């Protein structure tokens, strides 16, 4: 029975893949014919089925760009960049899309050492840093055992130094893993989809206005309260806006 169920699931998966591949090719055809809205519908049907890829998000962003839809253009380029962060075409097109936005917000400067450290830590994800820490823990155990049971002075000195280096790298990798985890948890970007939205000091419409944002601007979500989201913009200023005015990445 279990084998039959596995075969059934496999057949369903193959069928879904074939269906999505056909929709993707149809979307590309419609895009090349200049039927951008119809192409978006084809791409969206793939997303709705639970399939995701950088190429899919890139294509739907291109179609929205052709329709001059700023917010979804930026949103889907950002989604594509999350899956392919080193893709030069996505980076270039995202830069063009961001030039379409109205808001010009100066980015809060980050201290030199902190920026370098975060960039270095960001080269690996949380799980990768954890695996590096485990690897160095094994190296530490092996080198320390060799040092402890060594008989020659030069050999003991050599493996003591190696064990100390391995221990240091294990501790650093563990710290980096937790820092990366914290960075990932705190990183909750979103794109403004409202044509214009007012950020308030408190989560209600009667509170004082802090600033105004327009579609396509990227923000960080800090907190949720009812139908409101507390956000932070690039210069560090915070405010509350209606949750329906943004779409989280």
C-alpha atoms as a PDB file:
ATOM      1  CA  UNK A   1       0.000   0.000   0.000  1.00  0.00           C
ATOM      2  CA  UNK A   2       2.802   2.392   0.958  1.00  0.00           C
ATOM      3  CA  UNK A   3       4.599   1.626  -2.310  1.00  0.00           C
ATOM      4  CA  UNK A   4       1.445   2.399  -4.292  1.00  0.00           C
ATOM      5  CA  UNK A   5       1.054   5.714  -2.475  1.00  0.00           C
ATOM      6  CA  UNK A   6       4.675   6.629  -3.252  1.00  0.00           C
ATOM      7  CA  UNK A   7       4.107   5.845  -6.922  1.00  0.00           C
ATOM      8  CA  UNK A   8       0.928   7.932  -6.889  1.00  0.00           C
ATOM      9  CA  UNK A   9       2.710  10.905  -5.311  1.00  0.00           C
ATOM     10  CA  UNK A  10       5.503  10.571  -7.856  1.00  0.00           C
ATOM     11  CA  UNK A  11       3.027  10.582 -10.739  1.00  0.00           C
ATOM     12  CA  UNK A  12       1.288  13.644  -9.304  1.00  0.00           C
ATOM     13  CA  UNK A  13       4.645  15.442  -8.915  1.00  0.00           C
ATOM     14  CA  UNK A  14       5.671  14.601 -12.484  1.00  0.00           C
ATOM     15  CA  UNK A  15       2.292  15.748 -13.778  1.00  0.00           C
ATOM     16  CA  UNK A  16       2.503  19.010 -11.819  1.00  0.00           C
ATOM     17  CA  UNK A  17       6.026  19.644 -13.103  1.00  0.00           C
ATOM     18  CA  UNK A  18       4.918  19.057 -16.699  1.00  0.00           C
ATOM     19  CA  UNK A  19       1.927  21.357 -16.201  1.00  0.00           C
ATOM     20  CA  UNK A  20       4.084  24.114 -14.711  1.00  0.00           C
ATOM     21  CA  UNK A  21       6.705  23.733 -17.434  1.00  0.00           C
ATOM     22  CA  UNK A  22       3.981  24.146 -20.066  1.00  0.00           C
ATOM     23  CA  UNK A  23       2.659  27.239 -18.266  1.00  0.00           C
ATOM     24  CA  UNK A  24       6.181  28.676 -18.048  1.00  0.00           C
ATOM     25  CA  UNK A  25       6.798  28.200 -21.763  1.00  0.00           C
ATOM     26  CA  UNK A  26       3.362  29.661 -22.528  1.00  0.00           C
ATOM     27  CA  UNK A  27       4.179  32.645 -20.350  1.00  0.00           C
ATOM     28  CA  UNK A  28       7.460  33.184 -22.184  1.00  0.00           C
ATOM     29  CA  UNK A  29       5.654  33.010 -25.515  1.00  0.00           C
ATOM     30  CA  UNK A  30       3.052  35.551 -24.406  1.00  0.00           C
ATOM     31  CA  UNK A  31       5.816  37.818 -23.088  1.00  0.00           C
ATOM     32  CA  UNK A  32       7.633  37.704 -26.432  1.00  0.00           C
ATOM     33  CA  UNK A  33       4.352  38.586 -28.142  1.00  0.00           C
ATOM     34  CA  UNK A  34       3.976  41.645 -25.917  1.00  0.00           C
ATOM     35  CA  UNK A  35       1.019  40.176 -23.999  1.00  0.00           C
ATOM     36  CA  UNK A  36       2.506  40.952 -20.618  1.00  0.00           C
ATOM     37  CA  UNK A  37      -0.664  40.721 -18.525  1.00  0.00           C
ATOM     38  CA  UNK A  38      -1.450  37.259 -19.912  1.00  0.00           C
ATOM     39  CA  UNK A  39       2.164  36.212 -19.334  1.00  0.00           C
ATOM     40  CA  UNK A  40       1.895  37.298 -15.690  1.00  0.00           C
ATOM     41  CA  UNK A  41      -1.213  35.143 -15.287  1.00  0.00           C
ATOM     42  CA  UNK A  42       0.702  32.107 -16.546  1.00  0.00           C
ATOM     43  CA  UNK A  43       3.650  32.775 -14.239  1.00  0.00           C
ATOM     44  CA  UNK A  44       1.328  33.439 -11.301  1.00  0.00           C
ATOM     45  CA  UNK A  45      -0.411  30.101 -11.822  1.00  0.00           C
ATOM     46  CA  UNK A  46       2.960  28.398 -11.310  1.00  0.00           C
ATOM     47  CA  UNK A  47       3.597  30.338  -8.106  1.00  0.00           C
ATOM     48  CA  UNK A  48       0.110  29.477  -6.864  1.00  0.00           C
ATOM     49  CA  UNK A  49       0.918  25.786  -7.352  1.00  0.00           C
ATOM     50  CA  UNK A  50       3.786  26.116  -4.875  1.00  0.00           C
ATOM     51  CA  UNK A  51       6.670  26.154  -7.349  1.00  0.00           C
ATOM     52  CA  UNK A  52       9.355  28.808  -7.010  1.00  0.00           C
ATOM     53  CA  UNK A  53      12.546  29.701  -8.877  1.00  0.00           C
ATOM     54  CA  UNK A  54      14.720  32.730  -9.510  1.00  0.00           C
ATOM     55  CA  UNK A  55      14.005  32.504 -13.235  1.00  0.00           C
ATOM     56  CA  UNK A  56      10.249  32.488 -12.616  1.00  0.00           C
ATOM     57  CA  UNK A  57      10.381  35.551 -10.359  1.00  0.00           C
ATOM     58  CA  UNK A  58      12.750  37.272 -12.787  1.00  0.00           C
ATOM     59  CA  UNK A  59      10.359  36.754 -15.697  1.00  0.00           C
ATOM     60  CA  UNK A  60       7.281  37.932 -13.812  1.00  0.00           C
ATOM     61  CA  UNK A  61       9.233  41.011 -12.691  1.00  0.00           C
ATOM     62  CA  UNK A  62      10.189  41.732 -16.308  1.00  0.00           C
ATOM     63  CA  UNK A  63       6.550  41.501 -17.374  1.00  0.00           C
ATOM     64  CA  UNK A  64       5.457  43.885 -14.612  1.00  0.00           C
ATOM     65  CA  UNK A  65       8.257  46.252 -15.606  1.00  0.00           C
ATOM     66  CA  UNK A  66       6.872  46.353 -19.140  1.00  0.00           C
ATOM     67  CA  UNK A  67       3.482  47.310 -17.665  1.00  0.00           C
ATOM     68  CA  UNK A  68       5.141  50.023 -15.533  1.00  0.00           C
ATOM     69  CA  UNK A  69       3.897  48.390 -12.324  1.00  0.00           C
ATOM     70  CA  UNK A  70       6.542  49.614  -9.911  1.00  0.00           C
ATOM     71  CA  UNK A  71       5.715  47.714  -6.712  1.00  0.00           C
ATOM     72  CA  UNK A  72       5.375  44.184  -8.182  1.00  0.00           C
ATOM     73  CA  UNK A  73       8.426  44.805 -10.382  1.00  0.00           C
ATOM     74  CA  UNK A  74      10.644  45.586  -7.385  1.00  0.00           C
ATOM     75  CA  UNK A  75       8.996  42.860  -5.314  1.00  0.00           C
ATOM     76  CA  UNK A  76       9.641  40.033  -7.781  1.00  0.00           C
ATOM     77  CA  UNK A  77      13.177  41.166  -8.599  1.00  0.00           C
ATOM     78  CA  UNK A  78      13.847  41.095  -4.852  1.00  0.00           C
ATOM     79  CA  UNK A  79      12.317  37.609  -4.664  1.00  0.00           C
ATOM     80  CA  UNK A  80      14.529  36.470  -7.542  1.00  0.00           C
ATOM     81  CA  UNK A  81      17.586  37.970  -5.854  1.00  0.00           C
ATOM     82  CA  UNK A  82      16.839  36.037  -2.659  1.00  0.00           C
ATOM     83  CA  UNK A  83      17.171  32.785  -4.620  1.00  0.00           C
ATOM     84  CA  UNK A  84      20.082  33.920  -6.821  1.00  0.00           C
ATOM     85  CA  UNK A  85      21.938  36.664  -4.889  1.00  0.00           C
ATOM     86  CA  UNK A  86      24.934  36.696  -7.244  1.00  0.00           C
ATOM     87  CA  UNK A  87      22.982  36.978 -10.510  1.00  0.00           C
ATOM     88  CA  UNK A  88      24.222  40.115 -12.310  1.00  0.00           C
ATOM     89  CA  UNK A  89      21.137  40.445 -14.547  1.00  0.00           C
ATOM     90  CA  UNK A  90      18.771  40.418 -11.566  1.00  0.00           C
ATOM     91  CA  UNK A  91      20.932  42.950  -9.724  1.00  0.00           C
ATOM     92  CA  UNK A  92      21.038  45.240 -12.764  1.00  0.00           C
ATOM     93  CA  UNK A  93      17.310  45.066 -13.461  1.00  0.00           C
ATOM     94  CA  UNK A  94      16.483  45.609  -9.790  1.00  0.00           C
ATOM     95  CA  UNK A  95      18.595  48.769  -9.853  1.00  0.00           C
ATOM     96  CA  UNK A  96      16.610  50.027 -12.865  1.00  0.00           C
ATOM     97  CA  UNK A  97      13.330  49.192 -11.104  1.00  0.00           C
ATOM     98  CA  UNK A  98      14.403  51.020  -7.945  1.00  0.00           C
ATOM     99  CA  UNK A  99      15.062  54.115 -10.058  1.00  0.00           C
ATOM    100  CA  UNK A 100      11.339  54.107 -10.864  1.00  0.00           C
ATOM    101  CA  UNK A 101      10.436  54.681  -7.213  1.00  0.00           C
ATOM    102  CA  UNK A 102       9.689  58.162  -5.864  1.00  0.00           C
ATOM    103  CA  UNK A 103      11.179  57.962  -2.385  1.00  0.00           C
ATOM    104  CA  UNK A 104      14.840  58.944  -2.101  1.00  0.00           C
ATOM    105  CA  UNK A 105      15.963  57.717   1.305  1.00  0.00           C
ATOM    106  CA  UNK A 106      19.575  57.981   2.440  1.00  0.00           C
ATOM    107  CA  UNK A 107      20.772  54.676   3.849  1.00  0.00           C
ATOM    108  CA  UNK A 108      21.845  54.656   7.472  1.00  0.00           C
ATOM    109  CA  UNK A 109      25.650  54.308   7.416  1.00  0.00           C
ATOM    110  CA  UNK A 110      27.066  51.187   9.020  1.00  0.00           C
ATOM    111  CA  UNK A 111      30.366  51.207  10.915  1.00  0.00           C
ATOM    112  CA  UNK A 112      33.264  49.914   8.842  1.00  0.00           C
ATOM    113  CA  UNK A 113      34.176  46.955  11.042  1.00  0.00           C
ATOM    114  CA  UNK A 114      30.537  45.981  11.547  1.00  0.00           C
ATOM    115  CA  UNK A 115      29.889  46.091   7.799  1.00  0.00           C
ATOM    116  CA  UNK A 116      32.958  43.972   7.027  1.00  0.00           C
ATOM    117  CA  UNK A 117      32.059  41.475   9.749  1.00  0.00           C
ATOM    118  CA  UNK A 118      28.436  41.154   8.602  1.00  0.00           C
ATOM    119  CA  UNK A 119      29.514  40.743   4.982  1.00  0.00           C
ATOM    120  CA  UNK A 120      31.937  38.010   6.002  1.00  0.00           C
ATOM    121  CA  UNK A 121      29.375  36.202   8.140  1.00  0.00           C
ATOM    122  CA  UNK A 122      26.807  36.528   5.351  1.00  0.00           C
ATOM    123  CA  UNK A 123      28.951  34.423   3.019  1.00  0.00           C
ATOM    124  CA  UNK A 124      27.512  31.319   4.731  1.00  0.00           C
ATOM    125  CA  UNK A 125      24.066  30.634   6.133  1.00  0.00           C
ATOM    126  CA  UNK A 126      23.291  29.528   9.684  1.00  0.00           C
ATOM    127  CA  UNK A 127      23.423  25.799   8.892  1.00  0.00           C
ATOM    128  CA  UNK A 128      26.718  26.107   7.021  1.00  0.00           C
ATOM    129  CA  UNK A 129      28.392  27.924   9.921  1.00  0.00           C
ATOM    130  CA  UNK A 130      27.043  25.237  12.272  1.00  0.00           C
ATOM    131  CA  UNK A 131      28.581  22.520  10.084  1.00  0.00           C
ATOM    132  CA  UNK A 132      31.901  24.385  10.074  1.00  0.00           C
ATOM    133  CA  UNK A 133      31.759  24.532  13.883  1.00  0.00           C
ATOM    134  CA  UNK A 134      31.133  20.766  14.075  1.00  0.00           C
ATOM    135  CA  UNK A 135      34.032  20.117  11.693  1.00  0.00           C
ATOM    136  CA  UNK A 136      36.434  22.183  13.787  1.00  0.00           C
ATOM    137  CA  UNK A 137      35.205  20.437  16.947  1.00  0.00           C
ATOM    138  CA  UNK A 138      36.269  17.103  15.449  1.00  0.00           C
ATOM    139  CA  UNK A 139      39.626  18.587  14.442  1.00  0.00           C
ATOM    140  CA  UNK A 140      40.066  19.951  17.961  1.00  0.00           C
ATOM    141  CA  UNK A 141      39.314  16.571  19.589  1.00  0.00           C
ATOM    142  CA  UNK A 142      41.714  14.702  17.267  1.00  0.00           C
ATOM    143  CA  UNK A 143      44.565  17.174  17.626  1.00  0.00           C
ATOM    144  CA  UNK A 144      44.145  17.457  21.400  1.00  0.00           C
ATOM    145  CA  UNK A 145      44.172  13.661  21.806  1.00  0.00           C
ATOM    146  CA  UNK A 146      47.302  13.485  19.676  1.00  0.00           C
ATOM    147  CA  UNK A 147      48.888  16.226  21.793  1.00  0.00           C
ATOM    148  CA  UNK A 148      47.882  14.574  25.079  1.00  0.00           C
ATOM    149  CA  UNK A 149      49.286  11.174  24.189  1.00  0.00           C
ATOM    150  CA  UNK A 150      52.311  12.482  22.309  1.00  0.00           C
ATOM    151  CA  UNK A 151      55.742  11.605  23.574  1.00  0.00           C
ATOM    152  CA  UNK A 152      58.042  13.990  21.735  1.00  0.00           C
ATOM    153  CA  UNK A 153      58.199  17.649  22.800  1.00  0.00           C
ATOM    154  CA  UNK A 154      58.145  19.057  19.254  1.00  0.00           C
ATOM    155  CA  UNK A 155      55.180  16.880  18.349  1.00  0.00           C
ATOM    156  CA  UNK A 156      53.259  17.902  21.486  1.00  0.00           C
ATOM    157  CA  UNK A 157      53.958  21.598  20.831  1.00  0.00           C
ATOM    158  CA  UNK A 158      52.827  21.284  17.203  1.00  0.00           C
ATOM    159  CA  UNK A 159      49.527  19.533  18.008  1.00  0.00           C
ATOM    160  CA  UNK A 160      48.851  21.828  20.960  1.00  0.00           C
ATOM    161  CA  UNK A 161      49.007  24.819  18.629  1.00  0.00           C
ATOM    162  CA  UNK A 162      46.748  23.039  16.109  1.00  0.00           C
ATOM    163  CA  UNK A 163      44.239  22.112  18.810  1.00  0.00           C
ATOM    164  CA  UNK A 164      44.193  25.721  20.070  1.00  0.00           C
ATOM    165  CA  UNK A 165      43.562  27.025  16.537  1.00  0.00           C
ATOM    166  CA  UNK A 166      40.814  24.447  15.983  1.00  0.00           C
ATOM    167  CA  UNK A 167      39.184  25.373  19.299  1.00  0.00           C
ATOM    168  CA  UNK A 168      39.307  29.076  18.412  1.00  0.00           C
ATOM    169  CA  UNK A 169      37.794  28.435  14.978  1.00  0.00           C
ATOM    170  CA  UNK A 170      35.083  26.246  16.530  1.00  0.00           C
ATOM    171  CA  UNK A 171      34.111  29.030  18.950  1.00  0.00           C
ATOM    172  CA  UNK A 172      34.147  31.680  16.204  1.00  0.00           C
ATOM    173  CA  UNK A 173      32.082  29.496  13.855  1.00  0.00           C
ATOM    174  CA  UNK A 174      29.529  28.922  16.612  1.00  0.00           C
ATOM    175  CA  UNK A 175      29.325  32.658  17.326  1.00  0.00           C
ATOM    176  CA  UNK A 176      28.977  33.393  13.589  1.00  0.00           C
ATOM    177  CA  UNK A 177      26.219  30.768  13.282  1.00  0.00           C
ATOM    178  CA  UNK A 178      24.162  32.395  16.046  1.00  0.00           C
ATOM    179  CA  UNK A 179      24.841  35.885  14.697  1.00  0.00           C
ATOM    180  CA  UNK A 180      23.723  34.803  11.213  1.00  0.00           C
ATOM    181  CA  UNK A 181      20.613  33.229  12.742  1.00  0.00           C
ATOM    182  CA  UNK A 182      19.839  36.495  14.533  1.00  0.00           C
ATOM    183  CA  UNK A 183      20.416  38.500  11.356  1.00  0.00           C
ATOM    184  CA  UNK A 184      18.099  36.211   9.398  1.00  0.00           C
ATOM    185  CA  UNK A 185      15.417  36.395  12.082  1.00  0.00           C
ATOM    186  CA  UNK A 186      15.569  40.191  12.250  1.00  0.00           C
ATOM    187  CA  UNK A 187      15.653  40.582   8.463  1.00  0.00           C
ATOM    188  CA  UNK A 188      11.995  40.909   7.471  1.00  0.00           C
ATOM    189  CA  UNK A 189      11.951  43.037   4.307  1.00  0.00           C
ATOM    190  CA  UNK A 190       8.785  44.163   2.590  1.00  0.00           C
ATOM    191  CA  UNK A 191       7.825  46.274  -0.401  1.00  0.00           C
ATOM    192  CA  UNK A 192       5.284  49.092  -0.283  1.00  0.00           C
ATOM    193  CA  UNK A 193       2.404  48.252  -2.640  1.00  0.00           C
ATOM    194  CA  UNK A 194       0.166  51.224  -1.849  1.00  0.00           C
ATOM    195  CA  UNK A 195       0.505  54.145  -4.265  1.00  0.00           C
ATOM    196  CA  UNK A 196       1.041  56.298  -1.180  1.00  0.00           C
ATOM    197  CA  UNK A 197       0.941  55.483   2.523  1.00  0.00           C
ATOM    198  CA  UNK A 198       1.443  57.562   5.652  1.00  0.00           C
ATOM    199  CA  UNK A 199       3.614  56.221   8.457  1.00  0.00           C
ATOM    200  CA  UNK A 200       2.218  57.107  11.888  1.00  0.00           C
ATOM    201  CA  UNK A 201       3.728  57.388  15.367  1.00  0.00           C
ATOM    202  CA  UNK A 202       1.206  54.831  16.665  1.00  0.00           C
ATOM    203  CA  UNK A 203      -0.881  52.066  15.093  1.00  0.00           C
ATOM    204  CA  UNK A 204      -3.983  54.195  14.430  1.00  0.00           C
ATOM    205  CA  UNK A 205      -5.061  56.735  11.815  1.00  0.00           C
ATOM    206  CA  UNK A 206      -5.460  59.592  14.312  1.00  0.00           C
ATOM    207  CA  UNK A 207      -1.826  59.576  15.429  1.00  0.00           C
ATOM    208  CA  UNK A 208       0.790  61.975  14.112  1.00  0.00           C
ATOM    209  CA  UNK A 209       2.333  61.412  10.675  1.00  0.00           C
ATOM    210  CA  UNK A 210       6.060  60.605  10.669  1.00  0.00           C
ATOM    211  CA  UNK A 211       6.762  60.279   6.948  1.00  0.00           C
ATOM    212  CA  UNK A 212       5.121  59.334   3.640  1.00  0.00           C
ATOM    213  CA  UNK A 213       6.116  56.401   1.452  1.00  0.00           C
ATOM    214  CA  UNK A 214       5.247  55.474  -2.118  1.00  0.00           C
ATOM    215  CA  UNK A 215       4.991  52.221  -4.050  1.00  0.00           C
ATOM    216  CA  UNK A 216       8.129  50.185  -4.610  1.00  0.00           C
ATOM    217  CA  UNK A 217      10.026  51.377  -1.536  1.00  0.00           C
ATOM    218  CA  UNK A 218      11.707  48.651   0.490  1.00  0.00           C
ATOM    219  CA  UNK A 219      11.208  48.623   4.259  1.00  0.00           C
ATOM    220  CA  UNK A 220      11.983  46.398   7.224  1.00  0.00           C
ATOM    221  CA  UNK A 221       9.085  45.021   9.276  1.00  0.00           C
ATOM    222  CA  UNK A 222       9.820  45.308  12.994  1.00  0.00           C
ATOM    223  CA  UNK A 223       6.519  44.500  14.670  1.00  0.00           C
ATOM    224  CA  UNK A 224       2.878  43.677  14.004  1.00  0.00           C
ATOM    225  CA  UNK A 225      -0.157  44.925  15.901  1.00  0.00           C
ATOM    226  CA  UNK A 226      -3.610  44.113  14.605  1.00  0.00           C
ATOM    227  CA  UNK A 227      -3.913  45.472  11.077  1.00  0.00           C
ATOM    228  CA  UNK A 228      -0.776  47.576  11.433  1.00  0.00           C
ATOM    229  CA  UNK A 229       2.933  46.938  10.881  1.00  0.00           C
ATOM    230  CA  UNK A 230       5.772  48.843  12.478  1.00  0.00           C
ATOM    231  CA  UNK A 231       8.411  49.450   9.833  1.00  0.00           C
ATOM    232  CA  UNK A 232      11.853  50.954   9.517  1.00  0.00           C
ATOM    233  CA  UNK A 233      13.156  52.683   6.399  1.00  0.00           C
ATOM    234  CA  UNK A 234      16.761  52.791   5.192  1.00  0.00           C
ATOM    235  CA  UNK A 235      17.713  55.878   7.211  1.00  0.00           C
ATOM    236  CA  UNK A 236      16.601  54.222  10.460  1.00  0.00           C
ATOM    237  CA  UNK A 237      13.325  56.141  10.897  1.00  0.00           C
ATOM    238  CA  UNK A 238      10.427  54.049  12.206  1.00  0.00           C
ATOM    239  CA  UNK A 239       6.669  54.308  11.901  1.00  0.00           C
ATOM    240  CA  UNK A 240       3.386  52.378  11.756  1.00  0.00           C
ATOM    241  CA  UNK A 241       1.537  51.758   8.469  1.00  0.00           C
ATOM    242  CA  UNK A 242      -1.503  49.648   7.556  1.00  0.00           C
ATOM    243  CA  UNK A 243      -0.436  46.036   6.972  1.00  0.00           C
ATOM    244  CA  UNK A 244      -2.348  45.958   3.661  1.00  0.00           C
ATOM    245  CA  UNK A 245      -0.062  48.656   2.238  1.00  0.00           C
ATOM    246  CA  UNK A 246       3.008  46.389   2.143  1.00  0.00           C
ATOM    247  CA  UNK A 247       3.855  42.917   0.933  1.00  0.00           C
ATOM    248  CA  UNK A 248       6.519  41.008   2.841  1.00  0.00           C
ATOM    249  CA  UNK A 249       9.308  39.221   1.025  1.00  0.00           C
END
